[in-house]
Amino acid sequence: MSRSISTNPSDFRTAVPGPSRLGHRLAVITTAFRTIISAVNRRIARLSQRRRHRRLEFDLSRFDDRMLKDIGLDRSEIERVIHFGREF
């Protein structure tokens, strides 16, 4: 049995994606890629901030009570000040 080649244009539309379908697929892929990259960047920023906070907490905890009082802090306030800032 021999196979005939179709010359009907509608058959080609389903077999080969047209420019509009390729454009849509590219847009979907681009959006997904940007979403993934954005999520990774947010995660890196959170990890970086967490590292800075831990380092600052470590540094401030090494101060003695007199030094903390000189900068207007009590030892019990270190964590709150690092995470939420100082109230003036």
Protein backbone atom coordinates (compact mmCIF):
# COMPACT_ATOMS: atom_id res chain seq x y z
CA MET A 1 0.00 0.00 0.00
CA SER A 2 1.51 3.30 -0.98
CA ARG A 3 1.06 6.41 1.02
CA SER A 4 -0.03 9.56 -0.73
CA ILE A 5 1.30 12.95 0.26
CA SER A 6 -1.38 15.37 1.23
CA THR A 7 -1.35 18.82 -0.29
CA ASN A 8 -4.21 20.05 1.83
CA PRO A 9 -2.98 23.15 3.74
CA SER A 10 -4.98 22.30 6.85
CA ASP A 11 -2.96 19.09 7.24
CA PHE A 12 0.26 21.11 7.41
CA ARG A 13 -1.09 23.39 10.14
CA THR A 14 -1.44 20.51 12.55
CA ALA A 15 1.84 18.85 11.61
CA VAL A 16 4.12 21.89 11.70
CA PRO A 17 3.59 24.56 14.33
CA GLY A 18 3.05 27.96 12.79
CA PRO A 19 4.63 31.21 13.88
CA SER A 20 1.79 32.04 16.26
CA ARG A 21 2.08 28.67 18.02
CA LEU A 22 5.84 28.96 18.26
CA GLY A 23 5.51 32.48 19.61
CA HIS A 24 3.06 31.32 22.24
CA ARG A 25 5.26 28.40 23.24
CA LEU A 26 8.27 30.70 23.46
CA ALA A 27 6.29 33.13 25.61
CA VAL A 28 5.22 30.33 27.96
CA ILE A 29 8.76 28.99 28.24
CA THR A 30 10.16 32.50 28.79
CA THR A 31 7.60 33.21 31.50
CA ALA A 32 8.34 29.92 33.24
CA PHE A 33 12.08 30.56 33.04
CA ARG A 34 11.70 34.07 34.48
CA THR A 35 9.51 32.73 37.29
CA ILE A 36 12.12 30.12 38.21
CA ILE A 37 14.97 32.63 38.07
CA SER A 38 12.98 35.07 40.21
CA ALA A 39 12.29 32.39 42.83
CA VAL A 40 15.97 31.43 42.93
CA ASN A 41 16.99 35.07 43.31
CA ARG A 42 14.52 35.59 46.17
CA ARG A 43 15.83 32.47 47.91
CA ILE A 44 19.44 33.67 47.55
CA ALA A 45 18.48 37.09 48.94
CA ARG A 46 16.74 35.51 51.95
CA LEU A 47 19.73 33.29 52.65
CA SER A 48 22.08 36.26 52.35
CA GLN A 49 19.95 38.34 54.72
CA ARG A 50 19.75 35.47 57.19
CA ARG A 51 23.54 35.12 57.11
CA ARG A 52 24.00 38.87 57.74
CA HIS A 53 21.56 38.73 60.65
CA ARG A 54 23.29 35.76 62.23
CA ARG A 55 26.68 37.42 61.86
CA LEU A 56 25.43 40.67 63.37
CA GLU A 57 23.79 38.79 66.24
CA PHE A 58 27.06 36.93 66.87
CA ASP A 59 29.06 40.16 66.83
CA LEU A 60 26.69 42.00 69.17
CA SER A 61 26.50 39.07 71.56
CA ARG A 62 30.28 39.31 72.01
CA PHE A 63 29.93 42.85 73.44
CA ASP A 64 29.84 43.13 77.18
CA ASP A 65 26.83 44.73 78.89
CA ARG A 66 28.59 48.09 79.28
CA MET A 67 29.33 48.33 75.56
CA LEU A 68 25.75 47.40 74.69
CA LYS A 69 24.48 50.06 77.09
CA ASP A 70 26.75 52.63 75.39
CA ILE A 71 24.98 52.01 72.09
CA GLY A 72 21.58 51.98 73.78
CA LEU A 73 20.88 48.25 73.77
CA ASP A 74 20.16 45.63 76.35
CA ARG A 75 21.29 42.06 75.75
CA SER A 76 17.67 40.90 75.55
CA GLU A 77 16.99 43.35 72.70
CA ILE A 78 19.69 42.15 70.29
CA GLU A 79 17.56 39.74 68.28
CA ARG A 80 14.57 42.12 68.05
CA VAL A 81 16.74 45.03 66.93
CA ILE A 82 18.45 42.93 64.26
CA HIS A 83 15.22 41.65 62.77
CA PHE A 84 12.87 44.61 63.24
CA GLY A 85 15.10 47.64 63.69
CA ARG A 86 15.34 50.15 66.47
CA GLU A 87 12.55 52.36 67.72
CA PHE A 88 13.61 55.91 68.40
